[in-house]
PDB file of N, CA and C in Angstrom:
ATOM      1  N   MET A   1       0.844  -1.178   0.000  1.00  0.00           N
ATOM      2  CA  MET A   1       0.000   0.000   0.000  1.00  0.00           C
ATOM      3  C   MET A   1       0.897   1.252   0.000  1.00  0.00           C
ATOM      4  N   PRO A   2       0.532   2.290  -0.749  1.00  0.00           N
ATOM      5  CA  PRO A   2       1.356   3.509  -0.817  1.00  0.00           C
ATOM      6  C   PRO A   2       1.505   4.189   0.540  1.00  0.00           C
ATOM      7  N   LEU A   3       2.610   4.877   0.701  1.00  0.00           N
ATOM      8  CA  LEU A   3       2.933   5.603   1.922  1.00  0.00           C
ATOM      9  C   LEU A   3       1.824   6.565   2.330  1.00  0.00           C
ATOM     10  N   ARG A   4       1.209   7.228   1.392  1.00  0.00           N
ATOM     11  CA  ARG A   4       0.179   8.218   1.724  1.00  0.00           C
ATOM     12  C   ARG A   4      -1.020   7.577   2.400  1.00  0.00           C
ATOM     13  N   ASN A   5      -1.306   6.337   2.070  1.00  0.00           N
ATOM     14  CA  ASN A   5      -2.451   5.628   2.642  1.00  0.00           C
ATOM     15  C   ASN A   5      -2.086   4.812   3.876  1.00  0.00           C
ATOM     16  N   ASP A   6      -0.820   4.510   4.053  1.00  0.00           N
ATOM     17  CA  ASP A   6      -0.378   3.644   5.141  1.00  0.00           C
ATOM     18  C   ASP A   6       0.973   4.163   5.646  1.00  0.00           C
ATOM     19  N   PHE A   7       0.930   5.248   6.425  1.00  0.00           N
ATOM     20  CA  PHE A   7       2.166   5.898   6.874  1.00  0.00           C
ATOM     21  C   PHE A   7       2.943   4.956   7.786  1.00  0.00           C
ATOM     22  N   PRO A   8       4.258   4.848   7.578  1.00  0.00           N
ATOM     23  CA  PRO A   8       5.066   3.929   8.387  1.00  0.00           C
ATOM     24  C   PRO A   8       5.085   4.324   9.865  1.00  0.00           C
ATOM     25  N   PRO A   9       4.973   3.345  10.758  1.00  0.00           N
ATOM     26  CA  PRO A   9       4.998   3.648  12.196  1.00  0.00           C
ATOM     27  C   PRO A   9       6.383   4.077  12.666  1.00  0.00           C
ATOM     28  N   ALA A  10       6.427   4.653  13.854  1.00  0.00           N
ATOM     29  CA  ALA A  10       7.691   5.106  14.451  1.00  0.00           C
ATOM     30  C   ALA A  10       8.691   3.965  14.543  1.00  0.00           C
ATOM     31  N   GLY A  11       9.933   4.282  14.210  1.00  0.00           N
ATOM     32  CA  GLY A  11      11.015   3.305  14.302  1.00  0.00           C
ATOM     33  C   GLY A  11      11.132   2.364  13.124  1.00  0.00           C
ATOM     34  N   SER A  12      10.290   2.538  12.135  1.00  0.00           N
ATOM     35  CA  SER A  12      10.324   1.621  10.994  1.00  0.00           C
ATOM     36  C   SER A  12      11.173   2.178   9.863  1.00  0.00           C
ATOM     37  N   ASN A  13      11.701   1.254   9.074  1.00  0.00           N
ATOM     38  CA  ASN A  13      12.420   1.592   7.850  1.00  0.00           C
ATOM     39  C   ASN A  13      11.500   1.251   6.695  1.00  0.00           C
ATOM     40  N   TYR A  14      11.390   2.149   5.740  1.00  0.00           N
ATOM     41  CA  TYR A  14      10.534   1.927   4.576  1.00  0.00           C
ATOM     42  C   TYR A  14      11.304   2.385   3.351  1.00  0.00           C
ATOM     43  N   LEU A  15      11.595   1.488   2.459  1.00  0.00           N
ATOM     44  CA  LEU A  15      12.296   1.804   1.213  1.00  0.00           C
ATOM     45  C   LEU A  15      13.541   2.673   1.453  1.00  0.00           C
ATOM     46  N   ASP A  16      14.381   2.257   2.352  1.00  0.00           N
ATOM     47  CA  ASP A  16      15.641   2.927   2.688  1.00  0.00           C
ATOM     48  C   ASP A  16      15.470   4.265   3.393  1.00  0.00           C
ATOM     49  N   GLY A  17      14.267   4.584   3.830  1.00  0.00           N
ATOM     50  CA  GLY A  17      14.036   5.793   4.609  1.00  0.00           C
ATOM     51  C   GLY A  17      13.627   5.413   6.015  1.00  0.00           C
ATOM     52  N   ILE A  18      13.586   6.403   6.901  1.00  0.00           N
ATOM     53  CA  ILE A  18      13.196   6.139   8.275  1.00  0.00           C
ATOM     54  C   ILE A  18      11.978   6.982   8.644  1.00  0.00           C
ATOM     55  N   SER A  19      11.194   6.468   9.591  1.00  0.00           N
ATOM     56  CA  SER A  19       9.977   7.151  10.010  1.00  0.00           C
ATOM     57  C   SER A  19       9.939   7.241  11.528  1.00  0.00           C
ATOM     58  N   ASP A  20       9.447   8.386  12.012  1.00  0.00           N
ATOM     59  CA  ASP A  20       9.199   8.521  13.444  1.00  0.00           C
ATOM     60  C   ASP A  20       7.695   8.484  13.722  1.00  0.00           C
ATOM     61  N   GLY A  21       6.937   8.065  12.721  1.00  0.00           N
ATOM     62  CA  GLY A  21       5.485   8.012  12.846  1.00  0.00           C
ATOM     63  C   GLY A  21       4.816   9.271  12.332  1.00  0.00           C
ATOM     64  N   TYR A  22       5.534  10.382  12.323  1.00  0.00           N
ATOM     65  CA  TYR A  22       5.012  11.629  11.766  1.00  0.00           C
ATOM     66  C   TYR A  22       5.798  12.055  10.532  1.00  0.00           C
ATOM     67  N   GLU A  23       7.122  11.961  10.595  1.00  0.00           N
ATOM     68  CA  GLU A  23       7.968  12.355   9.471  1.00  0.00           C
ATOM     69  C   GLU A  23       8.678  11.132   8.905  1.00  0.00           C
ATOM     70  N   TYR A  24       8.583  10.983   7.591  1.00  0.00           N
ATOM     71  CA  TYR A  24       9.343   9.963   6.875  1.00  0.00           C
ATOM     72  C   TYR A  24      10.445  10.708   6.138  1.00  0.00           C
ATOM     73  N   LYS A  25      11.685  10.235   6.268  1.00  0.00           N
ATOM     74  CA  LYS A  25      12.807  10.934   5.648  1.00  0.00           C
ATOM     75  C   LYS A  25      13.666   9.941   4.878  1.00  0.00           C
ATOM     76  N   SER A  26      14.010  10.331   3.650  1.00  0.00           N
ATOM     77  CA  SER A  26      14.862   9.495   2.814  1.00  0.00           C
ATOM     78  C   SER A  26      15.812  10.384   2.017  1.00  0.00           C
ATOM     79  N   ILE A  27      16.987   9.854   1.741  1.00  0.00           N
ATOM     80  CA  ILE A  27      18.004  10.598   0.998  1.00  0.00           C
ATOM     81  C   ILE A  27      18.096  10.028  -0.411  1.00  0.00           C
ATOM     82  N   PHE A  28      18.112  10.913  -1.390  1.00  0.00           N
ATOM     83  CA  PHE A  28      18.238  10.538  -2.794  1.00  0.00           C
ATOM     84  C   PHE A  28      19.522  11.146  -3.332  1.00  0.00           C
ATOM     85  N   ALA A  29      20.427  10.315  -3.785  1.00  0.00           N
ATOM     86  CA  ALA A  29      21.713  10.789  -4.292  1.00  0.00           C
ATOM     87  C   ALA A  29      21.990  10.134  -5.632  1.00  0.00           C
ATOM     88  N   GLY A  30      21.735  10.863  -6.698  1.00  0.00           N
ATOM     89  CA  GLY A  30      21.974  10.360  -8.045  1.00  0.00           C
ATOM     90  C   GLY A  30      23.283  10.879  -8.599  1.00  0.00           C
ATOM     91  N   THR A  31      23.476  10.653  -9.868  1.00  0.00           N
ATOM     92  CA  THR A  31      24.702  11.098 -10.530  1.00  0.00           C
ATOM     93  C   THR A  31      24.691  12.597 -10.809  1.00  0.00           C
ATOM     94  N   SER A  32      23.513  13.204 -10.716  1.00  0.00           N
ATOM     95  CA  SER A  32      23.366  14.649 -10.904  1.00  0.00           C
ATOM     96  C   SER A  32      22.156  15.094 -10.083  1.00  0.00           C
ATOM     97  N   LEU A  33      22.027  16.393  -9.889  1.00  0.00           N
ATOM     98  CA  LEU A  33      20.859  16.916  -9.191  1.00  0.00           C
ATOM     99  C   LEU A  33      19.587  16.553  -9.961  1.00  0.00           C
ATOM    100  N   GLU A  34      19.665  16.612 -11.285  1.00  0.00           N
ATOM    101  CA  GLU A  34      18.518  16.262 -12.119  1.00  0.00           C
ATOM    102  C   GLU A  34      18.088  14.812 -11.873  1.00  0.00           C
ATOM    103  N   HIS A  35      19.070  13.913 -11.785  1.00  0.00           N
ATOM    104  CA  HIS A  35      18.772  12.502 -11.558  1.00  0.00           C
ATOM    105  C   HIS A  35      18.143  12.291 -10.176  1.00  0.00           C
ATOM    106  N   SER A  36      18.675  12.943  -9.164  1.00  0.00           N
ATOM    107  CA  SER A  36      18.125  12.829  -7.805  1.00  0.00           C
ATOM    108  C   SER A  36      16.688  13.341  -7.760  1.00  0.00           C
ATOM    109  N   PHE A  37      16.431  14.462  -8.425  1.00  0.00           N
ATOM    110  CA  PHE A  37      15.084  15.027  -8.444  1.00  0.00           C
ATOM    111  C   PHE A  37      14.119  14.112  -9.196  1.00  0.00           C
ATOM    112  N   GLU A  38      14.561  13.519 -10.276  1.00  0.00           N
ATOM    113  CA  GLU A  38      13.710  12.572 -11.013  1.00  0.00           C
ATOM    114  C   GLU A  38      13.372  11.349 -10.147  1.00  0.00           C
ATOM    115  N   MET A  39      14.333  10.882  -9.359  1.00  0.00           N
ATOM    116  CA  MET A  39      14.076   9.754  -8.449  1.00  0.00           C
ATOM    117  C   MET A  39      13.012  10.141  -7.423  1.00  0.00           C
ATOM    118  N   ILE A  40      13.090  11.350  -6.899  1.00  0.00           N
ATOM    119  CA  ILE A  40      12.096  11.815  -5.923  1.00  0.00           C
ATOM    120  C   ILE A  40      10.721  11.907  -6.577  1.00  0.00           C
ATOM    121  N   LYS A  41      10.651  12.462  -7.771  1.00  0.00           N
ATOM    122  CA  LYS A  41       9.355  12.583  -8.454  1.00  0.00           C
ATOM    123  C   LYS A  41       8.734  11.211  -8.695  1.00  0.00           C
ATOM    124  N   GLN A  42       9.547  10.238  -9.083  1.00  0.00           N
ATOM    125  CA  GLN A  42       9.042   8.881  -9.304  1.00  0.00           C
ATOM    126  C   GLN A  42       8.564   8.267  -7.987  1.00  0.00           C
ATOM    127  N   PHE A  43       9.323   8.451  -6.920  1.00  0.00           N
ATOM    128  CA  PHE A  43       8.942   7.944  -5.606  1.00  0.00           C
ATOM    129  C   PHE A  43       7.594   8.529  -5.184  1.00  0.00           C
ATOM    130  N   LEU A  44       7.452   9.852  -5.295  1.00  0.00           N
ATOM    131  CA  LEU A  44       6.207  10.504  -4.899  1.00  0.00           C
ATOM    132  C   LEU A  44       5.029  10.000  -5.723  1.00  0.00           C
ATOM    133  N   LYS A  45       5.234   9.787  -6.999  1.00  0.00           N
ATOM    134  CA  LYS A  45       4.184   9.263  -7.870  1.00  0.00           C
ATOM    135  C   LYS A  45       3.742   7.875  -7.400  1.00  0.00           C
ATOM    136  N   GLU A  46       4.711   7.003  -7.126  1.00  0.00           N
ATOM    137  CA  GLU A  46       4.401   5.636  -6.711  1.00  0.00           C
ATOM    138  C   GLU A  46       3.779   5.572  -5.317  1.00  0.00           C
ATOM    139  N   GLU A  47       4.045   6.571  -4.488  1.00  0.00           N
ATOM    140  CA  GLU A  47       3.570   6.551  -3.105  1.00  0.00           C
ATOM    141  C   GLU A  47       2.303   7.375  -2.875  1.00  0.00           C
ATOM    142  N   GLY A  48       1.631   7.791  -3.957  1.00  0.00           N
ATOM    143  CA  GLY A  48       0.325   8.431  -3.836  1.00  0.00           C
ATOM    144  C   GLY A  48       0.320   9.943  -3.745  1.00  0.00           C
ATOM    145  N   TYR A  49       1.417  10.583  -4.094  1.00  0.00           N
ATOM    146  CA  TYR A  49       1.510  12.041  -3.995  1.00  0.00           C
ATOM    147  C   TYR A  49       1.520  12.695  -5.374  1.00  0.00           C
ATOM    148  N   LEU A  50       0.660  12.238  -6.256  1.00  0.00           N
ATOM    149  CA  LEU A  50       0.586  12.765  -7.628  1.00  0.00           C
ATOM    150  C   LEU A  50       0.125  14.216  -7.687  1.00  0.00           C
ATOM    151  N   ASN A  51      -0.714  14.615  -6.740  1.00  0.00           N
ATOM    152  CA  ASN A  51      -1.337  15.942  -6.810  1.00  0.00           C
ATOM    153  C   ASN A  51      -0.523  17.042  -6.138  1.00  0.00           C
ATOM    154  N   ILE A  52       0.698  16.757  -5.702  1.00  0.00           N
ATOM    155  CA  ILE A  52       1.539  17.772  -5.063  1.00  0.00           C
ATOM    156  C   ILE A  52       2.274  18.569  -6.147  1.00  0.00           C
ATOM    157  N   PRO A  53       2.080  19.878  -6.188  1.00  0.00           N
ATOM    158  CA  PRO A  53       2.833  20.681  -7.163  1.00  0.00           C
ATOM    159  C   PRO A  53       4.330  20.615  -6.865  1.00  0.00           C
ATOM    160  N   LEU A  54       5.119  20.451  -7.899  1.00  0.00           N
ATOM    161  CA  LEU A  54       6.572  20.374  -7.770  1.00  0.00           C
ATOM    162  C   LEU A  54       7.222  21.317  -8.774  1.00  0.00           C
ATOM    163  N   PRO A  55       8.452  21.713  -8.495  1.00  0.00           N
ATOM    164  CA  PRO A  55       9.186  22.473  -9.511  1.00  0.00           C
ATOM    165  C   PRO A  55       9.254  21.667 -10.813  1.00  0.00           C
ATOM    166  N   ARG A  56       9.331  22.351 -11.940  1.00  0.00           N
ATOM    167  CA  ARG A  56       9.340  21.664 -13.244  1.00  0.00           C
ATOM    168  C   ARG A  56      10.564  20.807 -13.459  1.00  0.00           C
ATOM    169  N   ASN A  57      11.709  21.273 -12.943  1.00  0.00           N
ATOM    170  CA  ASN A  57      12.956  20.543 -13.164  1.00  0.00           C
ATOM    171  C   ASN A  57      13.949  20.900 -12.061  1.00  0.00           C
ATOM    172  N   ALA A  58      15.122  20.295 -12.114  1.00  0.00           N
ATOM    173  CA  ALA A  58      16.132  20.514 -11.075  1.00  0.00           C
ATOM    174  C   ALA A  58      16.627  21.963 -11.043  1.00  0.00           C
ATOM    175  N   SER A  59      16.667  22.615 -12.189  1.00  0.00           N
ATOM    176  CA  SER A  59      17.093  24.019 -12.219  1.00  0.00           C
ATOM    177  C   SER A  59      16.110  24.890 -11.442  1.00  0.00           C
ATOM    178  N   GLU A  60      14.834  24.634 -11.619  1.00  0.00           N
ATOM    179  CA  GLU A  60      13.829  25.383 -10.883  1.00  0.00           C
ATOM    180  C   GLU A  60      13.879  25.026  -9.397  1.00  0.00           C
ATOM    181  N   LEU A  61      14.089  23.748  -9.076  1.00  0.00           N
ATOM    182  CA  LEU A  61      14.233  23.332  -7.683  1.00  0.00           C
ATOM    183  C   LEU A  61      15.397  24.061  -7.016  1.00  0.00           C
ATOM    184  N   ALA A  62      16.494  24.218  -7.719  1.00  0.00           N
ATOM    185  CA  ALA A  62      17.689  24.871  -7.166  1.00  0.00           C
ATOM    186  C   ALA A  62      17.415  26.319  -6.755  1.00  0.00           C
ATOM    187  N   LEU A  63      16.409  26.946  -7.337  1.00  0.00           N
ATOM    188  CA  LEU A  63      16.055  28.315  -6.963  1.00  0.00           C
ATOM    189  C   LEU A  63      15.533  28.402  -5.532  1.00  0.00           C
ATOM    190  N   PHE A  64      15.106  27.273  -4.977  1.00  0.00           N
ATOM    191  CA  PHE A  64      14.587  27.241  -3.611  1.00  0.00           C
ATOM    192  C   PHE A  64      15.687  27.049  -2.571  1.00  0.00           C
ATOM    193  N   GLN A  65      16.912  26.814  -3.009  1.00  0.00           N
ATOM    194  CA  GLN A  65      18.019  26.630  -2.081  1.00  0.00           C
ATOM    195  C   GLN A  65      18.410  27.973  -1.478  1.00  0.00           C
ATOM    196  N   LEU A  66      18.506  28.012  -0.155  1.00  0.00           N
ATOM    197  CA  LEU A  66      18.882  29.253   0.519  1.00  0.00           C
ATOM    198  C   LEU A  66      20.335  29.587   0.217  1.00  0.00           C
ATOM    199  N   PRO A  67      20.635  30.860  -0.026  1.00  0.00           N
ATOM    200  CA  PRO A  67      22.002  31.238  -0.383  1.00  0.00           C
ATOM    201  C   PRO A  67      22.965  31.273   0.805  1.00  0.00           C
ATOM    202  N   THR A  68      22.457  31.165   2.016  1.00  0.00           N
ATOM    203  CA  THR A  68      23.315  31.303   3.199  1.00  0.00           C
ATOM    204  C   THR A  68      23.930  29.969   3.626  1.00  0.00           C
ATOM    205  N   ARG A  69      25.075  30.059   4.262  1.00  0.00           N
ATOM    206  CA  ARG A  69      25.695  28.893   4.889  1.00  0.00           C
ATOM    207  C   ARG A  69      25.593  28.989   6.407  1.00  0.00           C
ATOM    208  N   ASN A  70      24.957  30.052   6.883  1.00  0.00           N
ATOM    209  CA  ASN A  70      24.808  30.295   8.306  1.00  0.00           C
ATOM    210  C   ASN A  70      23.861  29.250   8.900  1.00  0.00           C
ATOM    211  N   LYS A  71      24.413  28.374   9.713  1.00  0.00           N
ATOM    212  CA  LYS A  71      23.616  27.276  10.267  1.00  0.00           C
ATOM    213  C   LYS A  71      22.536  27.769  11.220  1.00  0.00           C
ATOM    214  N   GLN A  72      22.730  28.937  11.834  1.00  0.00           N
ATOM    215  CA  GLN A  72      21.694  29.476  12.709  1.00  0.00           C
ATOM    216  C   GLN A  72      20.460  29.869  11.901  1.00  0.00           C
ATOM    217  N   ILE A  73      20.659  30.470  10.746  1.00  0.00           N
ATOM    218  CA  ILE A  73      19.536  30.826   9.872  1.00  0.00           C
ATOM    219  C   ILE A  73      18.822  29.557   9.422  1.00  0.00           C
ATOM    220  N   LEU A  74      19.600  28.536   9.094  1.00  0.00           N
ATOM    221  CA  LEU A  74      19.016  27.293   8.586  1.00  0.00           C
ATOM    222  C   LEU A  74      18.224  26.538   9.646  1.00  0.00           C
ATOM    223  N   LEU A  75      18.391  26.893  10.917  1.00  0.00           N
ATOM    224  CA  LEU A  75      17.577  26.288  11.970  1.00  0.00           C
ATOM    225  C   LEU A  75      16.122  26.743  11.871  1.00  0.00           C
ATOM    226  N   PHE A  76      15.902  27.925  11.319  1.00  0.00           N
ATOM    227  CA  PHE A  76      14.567  28.509  11.274  1.00  0.00           C
ATOM    228  C   PHE A  76      13.931  28.474   9.892  1.00  0.00           C
ATOM    229  N   GLU A  77      14.701  28.196   8.888  1.00  0.00           N
ATOM    230  CA  GLU A  77      14.202  28.163   7.516  1.00  0.00           C
ATOM    231  C   GLU A  77      14.478  26.797   6.905  1.00  0.00           C
ATOM    232  N   ASP A  78      13.562  26.325   6.089  1.00  0.00           N
ATOM    233  CA  ASP A  78      13.779  25.080   5.359  1.00  0.00           C
ATOM    234  C   ASP A  78      14.598  25.388   4.120  1.00  0.00           C
ATOM    235  N   ASN A  79      15.692  24.674   3.956  1.00  0.00           N
ATOM    236  CA  ASN A  79      16.589  24.910   2.831  1.00  0.00           C
ATOM    237  C   ASN A  79      16.151  24.052   1.650  1.00  0.00           C
ATOM    238  N   GLY A  80      15.088  24.492   0.984  1.00  0.00           N
ATOM    239  CA  GLY A  80      14.599  23.760  -0.164  1.00  0.00           C
ATOM    240  C   GLY A  80      13.143  24.059  -0.447  1.00  0.00           C
ATOM    241  N   TYR A  81      12.520  23.156  -1.166  1.00  0.00           N
ATOM    242  CA  TYR A  81      11.138  23.311  -1.615  1.00  0.00           C
ATOM    243  C   TYR A  81      10.186  22.737  -0.573  1.00  0.00           C
ATOM    244  N   VAL A  82       9.160  23.494  -0.228  1.00  0.00           N
ATOM    245  CA  VAL A  82       8.190  23.075   0.781  1.00  0.00           C
ATOM    246  C   VAL A  82       6.784  23.238   0.228  1.00  0.00           C
ATOM    247  N   HIS A  83       6.032  22.153   0.221  1.00  0.00           N
ATOM    248  CA  HIS A  83       4.608  22.198  -0.138  1.00  0.00           C
ATOM    249  C   HIS A  83       3.929  21.068   0.611  1.00  0.00           C
ATOM    250  N   ASN A  84       3.062  21.428   1.511  1.00  0.00           N
ATOM    251  CA  ASN A  84       2.375  20.455   2.354  1.00  0.00           C
ATOM    252  C   ASN A  84       1.853  19.274   1.534  1.00  0.00           C
ATOM    253  N   PRO A  85       2.196  18.063   1.867  1.00  0.00           N
ATOM    254  CA  PRO A  85       2.858  17.496   3.031  1.00  0.00           C
ATOM    255  C   PRO A  85       4.298  17.041   2.778  1.00  0.00           C
ATOM    256  N   ILE A  86       4.991  17.688   1.848  1.00  0.00           N
ATOM    257  CA  ILE A  86       6.369  17.255   1.558  1.00  0.00           C
ATOM    258  C   ILE A  86       7.350  18.418   1.654  1.00  0.00           C
ATOM    259  N   LYS A  87       8.612  18.051   1.869  1.00  0.00           N
ATOM    260  CA  LYS A  87       9.718  19.002   1.770  1.00  0.00           C
ATOM    261  C   LYS A  87      10.826  18.303   0.990  1.00  0.00           C
ATOM    262  N   ILE A  88      11.415  19.005   0.047  1.00  0.00           N
ATOM    263  CA  ILE A  88      12.592  18.518  -0.673  1.00  0.00           C
ATOM    264  C   ILE A  88      13.714  19.475  -0.308  1.00  0.00           C
ATOM    265  N   LEU A  89      14.633  18.979   0.508  1.00  0.00           N
ATOM    266  CA  LEU A  89      15.642  19.837   1.104  1.00  0.00           C
ATOM    267  C   LEU A  89      17.035  19.551   0.557  1.00  0.00           C
ATOM    268  N   PHE A  90      17.847  20.579   0.571  1.00  0.00           N
ATOM    269  CA  PHE A  90      19.254  20.457   0.205  1.00  0.00           C
ATOM    270  C   PHE A  90      20.038  20.177   1.489  1.00  0.00           C
ATOM    271  N   PRO A  91      21.035  19.311   1.431  1.00  0.00           N
ATOM    272  CA  PRO A  91      21.830  19.041   2.641  1.00  0.00           C
ATOM    273  C   PRO A  91      22.656  20.260   3.043  1.00  0.00           C
ATOM    274  N   LEU A  92      22.972  20.345   4.330  1.00  0.00           N
ATOM    275  CA  LEU A  92      23.797  21.461   4.809  1.00  0.00           C
ATOM    276  C   LEU A  92      25.198  21.410   4.217  1.00  0.00           C
ATOM    277  N   ASP A  93      25.691  20.219   3.953  1.00  0.00           N
ATOM    278  CA  ASP A  93      27.015  20.037   3.361  1.00  0.00           C
ATOM    279  C   ASP A  93      26.905  20.301   1.852  1.00  0.00           C
ATOM    280  N   ARG A  94      27.349  21.449   1.428  1.00  0.00           N
ATOM    281  CA  ARG A  94      27.190  21.848   0.016  1.00  0.00           C
ATOM    282  C   ARG A  94      28.066  21.042  -0.942  1.00  0.00           C
ATOM    283  N   ARG A  95      28.974  20.230  -0.395  1.00  0.00           N
ATOM    284  CA  ARG A  95      29.781  19.360  -1.250  1.00  0.00           C
ATOM    285  C   ARG A  95      28.932  18.227  -1.819  1.00  0.00           C
ATOM    286  N   LYS A  96      27.789  17.965  -1.206  1.00  0.00           N
ATOM    287  CA  LYS A  96      26.882  16.910  -1.674  1.00  0.00           C
ATOM    288  C   LYS A  96      25.903  17.511  -2.680  1.00  0.00           C
ATOM    289  N   ARG A  97      26.431  17.994  -3.780  1.00  0.00           N
ATOM    290  CA  ARG A  97      25.649  18.730  -4.787  1.00  0.00           C
ATOM    291  C   ARG A  97      24.528  17.933  -5.411  1.00  0.00           C
ATOM    292  N   ASN A  98      24.676  16.625  -5.483  1.00  0.00           N
ATOM    293  CA  ASN A  98      23.694  15.792  -6.170  1.00  0.00           C
ATOM    294  C   ASN A  98      22.726  15.121  -5.202  1.00  0.00           C
ATOM    295  N   THR A  99      22.772  15.506  -3.949  1.00  0.00           N
ATOM    296  CA  THR A  99      21.953  14.871  -2.921  1.00  0.00           C
ATOM    297  C   THR A  99      20.760  15.741  -2.559  1.00  0.00           C
ATOM    298  N   LEU A 100      19.607  15.081  -2.387  1.00  0.00           N
ATOM    299  CA  LEU A 100      18.393  15.744  -1.922  1.00  0.00           C
ATOM    300  C   LEU A 100      17.807  14.918  -0.783  1.00  0.00           C
ATOM    301  N   ILE A 101      17.171  15.601   0.143  1.00  0.00           N
ATOM    302  CA  ILE A 101      16.521  14.942   1.271  1.00  0.00           C
ATOM    303  C   ILE A 101      15.017  15.123   1.103  1.00  0.00           C
ATOM    304  N   LEU A 102      14.313  14.012   1.038  1.00  0.00           N
ATOM    305  CA  LEU A 102      12.855  14.061   0.935  1.00  0.00           C
ATOM    306  C   LEU A 102      12.263  13.809   2.313  1.00  0.00           C
ATOM    307  N   CYS A 103      11.411  14.727   2.747  1.00  0.00           N
ATOM    308  CA  CYS A 103      10.673  14.565   3.999  1.00  0.00           C
ATOM    309  C   CYS A 103       9.194  14.545   3.642  1.00  0.00           C
ATOM    310  N   VAL A 104       8.511  13.509   4.086  1.00  0.00           N
ATOM    311  CA  VAL A 104       7.072  13.371   3.858  1.00  0.00           C
ATOM    312  C   VAL A 104       6.423  13.321   5.231  1.00  0.00           C
ATOM    313  N   TYR A 105       5.325  14.042   5.391  1.00  0.00           N
ATOM    314  CA  TYR A 105       4.684  14.175   6.692  1.00  0.00           C
ATOM    315  C   TYR A 105       3.316  13.514   6.706  1.00  0.00           C
ATOM    316  N   ASN A 106       2.995  12.946   7.854  1.00  0.00           N
ATOM    317  CA  ASN A 106       1.743  12.210   8.049  1.00  0.00           C
ATOM    318  C   ASN A 106       0.582  13.185   8.161  1.00  0.00           C
ATOM    319  N   GLU A 107      -0.224  13.250   7.138  1.00  0.00           N
ATOM    320  CA  GLU A 107      -1.355  14.174   7.092  1.00  0.00           C
ATOM    321  C   GLU A 107      -2.457  13.799   8.067  1.00  0.00           C
ATOM    322  N   GLU A 108      -2.440  12.571   8.572  1.00  0.00           N
ATOM    323  CA  GLU A 108      -3.461  12.105   9.506  1.00  0.00           C
ATOM    324  C   GLU A 108      -3.171  12.516  10.947  1.00  0.00           C
ATOM    325  N   ASP A 109      -1.996  13.035  11.230  1.00  0.00           N
ATOM    326  CA  ASP A 109      -1.657  13.475  12.578  1.00  0.00           C
ATOM    327  C   ASP A 109      -2.579  14.629  12.959  1.00  0.00           C
ATOM    328  N   PRO A 110      -3.161  14.615  14.174  1.00  0.00           N
ATOM    329  CA  PRO A 110      -4.103  15.670  14.565  1.00  0.00           C
ATOM    330  C   PRO A 110      -3.510  17.080  14.586  1.00  0.00           C
ATOM    331  N   GLU A 111      -2.198  17.200  14.753  1.00  0.00           N
ATOM    332  CA  GLU A 111      -1.552  18.518  14.767  1.00  0.00           C
ATOM    333  C   GLU A 111      -0.677  18.719  13.534  1.00  0.00           C
ATOM    334  N   HIS A 112      -1.047  18.061  12.451  1.00  0.00           N
ATOM    335  CA  HIS A 112      -0.217  18.063  11.245  1.00  0.00           C
ATOM    336  C   HIS A 112       0.175  19.466  10.772  1.00  0.00           C
ATOM    337  N   LEU A 113      -0.780  20.354  10.581  1.00  0.00           N
ATOM    338  CA  LEU A 113      -0.452  21.677  10.042  1.00  0.00           C
ATOM    339  C   LEU A 113       0.439  22.476  10.985  1.00  0.00           C
ATOM    340  N   LEU A 114       0.205  22.383  12.274  1.00  0.00           N
ATOM    341  CA  LEU A 114       1.053  23.093  13.242  1.00  0.00           C
ATOM    342  C   LEU A 114       2.474  22.538  13.220  1.00  0.00           C
ATOM    343  N   LYS A 115       2.597  21.223  13.117  1.00  0.00           N
ATOM    344  CA  LYS A 115       3.922  20.602  13.075  1.00  0.00           C
ATOM    345  C   LYS A 115       4.614  20.871  11.745  1.00  0.00           C
ATOM    346  N   PHE A 116       3.883  20.728  10.644  1.00  0.00           N
ATOM    347  CA  PHE A 116       4.473  20.914   9.319  1.00  0.00           C
ATOM    348  C   PHE A 116       5.062  22.311   9.163  1.00  0.00           C
ATOM    349  N   HIS A 117       4.326  23.304   9.611  1.00  0.00           N
ATOM    350  CA  HIS A 117       4.777  24.693   9.474  1.00  0.00           C
ATOM    351  C   HIS A 117       5.625  25.145  10.666  1.00  0.00           C
ATOM    352  N   ARG A 118       5.966  24.208  11.541  1.00  0.00           N
ATOM    353  CA  ARG A 118       6.855  24.416  12.680  1.00  0.00           C
ATOM    354  C   ARG A 118       6.344  25.493  13.631  1.00  0.00           C
ATOM    355  N   ILE A 119       5.029  25.633  13.708  1.00  0.00           N
ATOM    356  CA  ILE A 119       4.410  26.616  14.593  1.00  0.00           C
ATOM    357  C   ILE A 119       4.677  26.255  16.049  1.00  0.00           C
ATOM    358  N   LEU A 120       4.564  24.981  16.374  1.00  0.00           N
ATOM    359  CA  LEU A 120       4.785  24.552  17.751  1.00  0.00           C
ATOM    360  C   LEU A 120       6.224  24.797  18.184  1.00  0.00           C
ATOM    361  N   GLU A 121       7.181  24.677  17.268  1.00  0.00           N
ATOM    362  CA  GLU A 121       8.594  24.921  17.579  1.00  0.00           C
ATOM    363  C   GLU A 121       8.859  26.401  17.843  1.00  0.00           C
ATOM    364  N   ARG A 122       8.120  27.263  17.201  1.00  0.00           N
ATOM    365  CA  ARG A 122       8.372  28.709  17.281  1.00  0.00           C
ATOM    366  C   ARG A 122       7.756  29.355  18.512  1.00  0.00           C
ATOM    367  N   ARG A 123       6.768  28.675  19.097  1.00  0.00           N
ATOM    368  CA  ARG A 123       6.095  29.253  20.259  1.00  0.00           C
ATOM    369  C   ARG A 123       7.048  29.301  21.425  1.00  0.00           C
ATOM    370  N   THR A 124       7.157  30.450  22.034  1.00  0.00           N
ATOM    371  CA  THR A 124       8.024  30.574  23.202  1.00  0.00           C
ATOM    372  C   THR A 124       7.260  30.122  24.435  1.00  0.00           C
ATOM    373  N   GLY A 125       7.956  29.429  25.296  1.00  0.00           N
ATOM    374  CA  GLY A 125       7.340  28.956  26.533  1.00  0.00           C
ATOM    375  C   GLY A 125       6.473  27.725  26.360  1.00  0.00           C
ATOM    376  N   ALA A 126       6.456  27.128  25.135  1.00  0.00           N
ATOM    377  CA  ALA A 126       5.647  25.927  24.921  1.00  0.00           C
ATOM    378  C   ALA A 126       6.363  24.730  25.539  1.00  0.00           C
ATOM    379  N   ASP A 127       5.588  23.846  26.113  1.00  0.00           N
ATOM    380  CA  ASP A 127       6.156  22.618  26.698  1.00  0.00           C
ATOM    381  C   ASP A 127       6.410  21.592  25.637  1.00  0.00           C
TER     382      ASP A 127
END
């Protein structure tokens, strides 16, 4: 059954990715950025995420990469493309030019939108 219909439970490995029950994360490293992005698009198609808008190609995806190397800034901003319920992120190590990190989020979680947009993380004094 596709990931979108049957989200992997916490602690499970699914197709070389890991899940904490809310976030599924997998790394795609092809021979080029274009190849890595094509692998992600194929994965999303097979896993039930056909209706998620994506950049047209790797060149357009690269426009979403933050220009900063400041790790403090990157703590508050996603370094890549974000469209609920997925994120396609660039690794902090810029030497990994052909690597992309795919994060898929469990839409069935009761606090999904707050978690996805990191609202709960930003609240000061939250437990």
